[in-house]
Amino acid sequence: MNIAIKPDIQKRIDERLRSGEFNSAEAVVEQALTFFLDFEEGEMSEGEFLETKAAIDEALDQAGRGETVSLEEFERDMRAKYGISR
């Protein structure tokens, strides 16, 4: 499928790519359409959408500040939190 994107939308996609938030324009468009369709089809309320967006924005900000943990540390913490043994 080929689609035409208006220049202002293309600029916004390019900004996301430059920020490193996405690896491809296709990924940006796919995420945007997923959010839109879920919202339109009632699978996500406006409040859930805004909450999800805020959580993603905060996670990206934290990563940008270097506030990350290793996968091993995350797994250890989650296993402890939920009482899951290896």
C-alpha atoms as a PDB file:
ATOM      1  CA  MET A   1       0.000   0.000   0.000  1.00  0.00           C
ATOM      2  CA  ASN A   2       1.295   3.438  -0.855  1.00  0.00           C
ATOM      3  CA  ILE A   3      -0.114   6.527   0.793  1.00  0.00           C
ATOM      4  CA  ALA A   4       0.566  10.231   0.465  1.00  0.00           C
ATOM      5  CA  ILE A   5       1.424  12.099   3.665  1.00  0.00           C
ATOM      6  CA  LYS A   6       0.918  15.835   4.009  1.00  0.00           C
ATOM      7  CA  PRO A   7       4.167  17.764   4.592  1.00  0.00           C
ATOM      8  CA  ASP A   8       3.227  18.805   8.143  1.00  0.00           C
ATOM      9  CA  ILE A   9       2.559  15.180   9.108  1.00  0.00           C
ATOM     10  CA  GLN A  10       5.765  14.046   7.393  1.00  0.00           C
ATOM     11  CA  LYS A  11       7.671  16.629   9.447  1.00  0.00           C
ATOM     12  CA  ARG A  12       6.204  15.216  12.662  1.00  0.00           C
ATOM     13  CA  ILE A  13       7.127  11.664  11.608  1.00  0.00           C
ATOM     14  CA  ASP A  14      10.664  12.809  10.786  1.00  0.00           C
ATOM     15  CA  GLU A  15      10.954  14.416  14.236  1.00  0.00           C
ATOM     16  CA  ARG A  16      10.057  11.093  15.879  1.00  0.00           C
ATOM     17  CA  LEU A  17      12.641   9.310  13.782  1.00  0.00           C
ATOM     18  CA  ARG A  18      15.356  11.857  14.612  1.00  0.00           C
ATOM     19  CA  SER A  19      14.587  11.553  18.322  1.00  0.00           C
ATOM     20  CA  GLY A  20      15.208   7.804  18.123  1.00  0.00           C
ATOM     21  CA  GLU A  21      11.733   7.113  19.422  1.00  0.00           C
ATOM     22  CA  PHE A  22      11.006   4.992  16.332  1.00  0.00           C
ATOM     23  CA  ASN A  23      13.162   3.043  13.898  1.00  0.00           C
ATOM     24  CA  SER A  24      11.019   3.610  10.809  1.00  0.00           C
ATOM     25  CA  ALA A  25       8.254   5.783   9.430  1.00  0.00           C
ATOM     26  CA  GLU A  26       6.145   2.642   9.129  1.00  0.00           C
ATOM     27  CA  ALA A  27       6.432   2.073  12.889  1.00  0.00           C
ATOM     28  CA  VAL A  28       5.243   5.632  13.598  1.00  0.00           C
ATOM     29  CA  VAL A  29       2.247   5.269  11.301  1.00  0.00           C
ATOM     30  CA  GLU A  30       1.412   1.796  12.643  1.00  0.00           C
ATOM     31  CA  GLN A  31       1.393   2.996  16.250  1.00  0.00           C
ATOM     32  CA  ALA A  32      -0.679   6.052  15.377  1.00  0.00           C
ATOM     33  CA  LEU A  33      -3.247   3.969  13.508  1.00  0.00           C
ATOM     34  CA  THR A  34      -3.393   1.389  16.291  1.00  0.00           C
ATOM     35  CA  PHE A  35      -4.148   4.073  18.875  1.00  0.00           C
ATOM     36  CA  PHE A  36      -6.689   5.720  16.573  1.00  0.00           C
ATOM     37  CA  LEU A  37      -8.494   2.496  15.697  1.00  0.00           C
ATOM     38  CA  ASP A  38      -8.548   1.249  19.288  1.00  0.00           C
ATOM     39  CA  PHE A  39      -9.989   4.586  20.380  1.00  0.00           C
ATOM     40  CA  GLU A  40     -12.536   4.736  17.546  1.00  0.00           C
ATOM     41  CA  GLU A  41     -13.653   1.145  18.110  1.00  0.00           C
ATOM     42  CA  GLY A  42     -14.176   1.768  21.815  1.00  0.00           C
ATOM     43  CA  GLU A  43     -11.357  -0.532  22.890  1.00  0.00           C
ATOM     44  CA  MET A  44      -9.661   2.398  24.609  1.00  0.00           C
ATOM     45  CA  SER A  45     -11.343   5.284  26.367  1.00  0.00           C
ATOM     46  CA  GLU A  46     -10.020   8.813  26.070  1.00  0.00           C
ATOM     47  CA  GLY A  47      -8.782   8.592  29.656  1.00  0.00           C
ATOM     48  CA  GLU A  48      -6.935   5.329  28.957  1.00  0.00           C
ATOM     49  CA  PHE A  49      -5.401   6.849  25.839  1.00  0.00           C
ATOM     50  CA  LEU A  50      -4.175   9.925  27.708  1.00  0.00           C
ATOM     51  CA  GLU A  51      -2.892   7.785  30.577  1.00  0.00           C
ATOM     52  CA  THR A  52      -1.016   5.510  28.173  1.00  0.00           C
ATOM     53  CA  LYS A  53       0.465   8.465  26.314  1.00  0.00           C
ATOM     54  CA  ALA A  54       1.593  10.084  29.572  1.00  0.00           C
ATOM     55  CA  ALA A  55       3.241   6.835  30.697  1.00  0.00           C
ATOM     56  CA  ILE A  56       5.058   6.473  27.372  1.00  0.00           C
ATOM     57  CA  ASP A  57       6.197  10.102  27.456  1.00  0.00           C
ATOM     58  CA  GLU A  58       7.505   9.690  31.009  1.00  0.00           C
ATOM     59  CA  ALA A  59       9.336   6.476  30.095  1.00  0.00           C
ATOM     60  CA  LEU A  60      10.985   8.191  27.123  1.00  0.00           C
ATOM     61  CA  ASP A  61      12.008  11.115  29.332  1.00  0.00           C
ATOM     62  CA  GLN A  62      13.491   8.721  31.897  1.00  0.00           C
ATOM     63  CA  ALA A  63      15.413   6.846  29.213  1.00  0.00           C
ATOM     64  CA  GLY A  64      16.680  10.149  27.833  1.00  0.00           C
ATOM     65  CA  ARG A  65      18.024  10.998  31.292  1.00  0.00           C
ATOM     66  CA  GLY A  66      19.716   7.607  31.524  1.00  0.00           C
ATOM     67  CA  GLU A  67      17.331   6.349  34.210  1.00  0.00           C
ATOM     68  CA  THR A  68      17.275   2.757  33.022  1.00  0.00           C
ATOM     69  CA  VAL A  69      17.744  -0.679  34.553  1.00  0.00           C
ATOM     70  CA  SER A  70      19.152  -3.830  33.014  1.00  0.00           C
ATOM     71  CA  LEU A  71      16.820  -6.604  31.917  1.00  0.00           C
ATOM     72  CA  GLU A  72      18.269  -8.801  34.641  1.00  0.00           C
ATOM     73  CA  GLU A  73      17.521  -6.198  37.324  1.00  0.00           C
ATOM     74  CA  PHE A  74      14.003  -5.702  35.983  1.00  0.00           C
ATOM     75  CA  GLU A  75      13.368  -9.456  35.966  1.00  0.00           C
ATOM     76  CA  ARG A  76      14.690  -9.824  39.538  1.00  0.00           C
ATOM     77  CA  ASP A  77      12.508  -6.948  40.765  1.00  0.00           C
ATOM     78  CA  MET A  78       9.363  -8.283  39.056  1.00  0.00           C
ATOM     79  CA  ARG A  79       9.925 -11.802  40.356  1.00  0.00           C
ATOM     80  CA  ALA A  80      10.343 -10.401  43.883  1.00  0.00           C
ATOM     81  CA  LYS A  81       7.334  -8.108  43.568  1.00  0.00           C
ATOM     82  CA  TYR A  82       5.001 -10.855  42.334  1.00  0.00           C
ATOM     83  CA  GLY A  83       6.517 -13.800  44.235  1.00  0.00           C
ATOM     84  CA  ILE A  84       7.578 -15.690  41.137  1.00  0.00           C
ATOM     85  CA  SER A  85      10.416 -18.176  41.501  1.00  0.00           C
ATOM     86  CA  ARG A  86      12.690 -19.245  38.711  1.00  0.00           C
END
